[in-house]
């Protein structure tokens, strides 16, 4: 008797799904399994960027042993391979380029050096989007294979019986790709642990979803010239590694790929509304349905952050003062600062493209790159709504124009007669958001 067998890892379980391919393509498929998994305490850096080196090394080794032609293929779609940063702060190590043409070129050069002869790595799906890949499966009558495929990049989460977390960028790409191709019924099948369409994504999952939709919307609305201007630096690094094409031709093909992807995602969002938006029920708060209906993805990052902070203060401040009102504006400011400092990590995770500070602790001349400032106003006694408005007007001239200001107005005595009119009057001056709480 040997030692007790370890429980099958997620990777081992997912590899067993190869049987579905074997049954459809008998005598055309050979499956080679390799034991490679994590052990011990997970590292802080969990992006698995070396996967492409691991996988291609295995592919090269097999091709060297089993084939006279040193050639293998990587079937990744072009949007994922290029992986244009979805926001300004996603640069360098934060944007994975595991199958980028430059990466493939360097791997090809490395394996050719090892082999002493040219090794070819083909990427036949480079000019396809995720929706295009779904279309290929449908075209060849193999859409039933969809549920056997694993795309998730966060399988280390507790998924239960699901095979996909439902919140990572790969899951977002897959789900919207399936809706874009009209194959969502086939893709569903309970494979997702989390349903961002009808549930509220949290933390980084929400950011991932918003970034994805926002970028797709940009691709769908930009023209080629604007695309070239916005992505110039990335295009220079990309077109160098697209052999056989002049620069103008390469840029045009990349633009067409991204534009098609953008329109497909917008079409997927429309289909999601048709399928899931039940007019007899409320839209689940924070879900993709709500984000679509309220056009959340059209808002600038600083406005989304202001809205999130307003929501949190609106819940917290009334509870803090339900028995005893603030002694003065400084007392109110202390509580506001306490809420902001407590929630700062969460806001940073969910809104990484915008930073905020409490204005009372920031010097007028040193804002340290802050996009959003939070100012508190306490209406009571002699501090009437008009006095608060005068203070707000002064604040708008006090801070640099590059900053957006969230004015948190606490009005427990309900001195403001028409809240919407009050807010509109101030916000019409620009670069500010007004949050009135009673």
Foldseek 3Di string as FASTA:
>chain_A
DDDDDDPDDLVRVLLVLCVVVCVVPPPPDDDDDDDDDDDDDDDPDQQPLCVLVVVVVVLQVCCVPPHPAQEDEDADEQCLQLQDPLDDVCDDPNTRNSNALVNLVVSQVVSCVVVVHGHYYYHVRNLDALLVVCVVCVVVVNLLCQCSDAFEPPQVDPQPPARHQCQALRNLRNQLSCLLNVNNVSNPPPNYSDHLQQEADAFQSLQSNLSVLLQLQCLQPDDLVVVCVVCVVSLVVRVVSPPPDDSVVVSVSVSVSSNVSSVSSVSSLVSSCVVPVDPVDDRRPNGVVVCVVVVVSVDDLQVVLLVVLLVQCQPPVCVVDVPHDQPDVVSVLVVSQVSCVVCVVRSCRNRVNAAEDAVVPDDLVDPPPHAEYEAEAEDDDPCALVNVLVVLVVVCVSHDPSHAYEYEYEYPVPRPVDVVVSQCVSCVVDRYGYRYHD
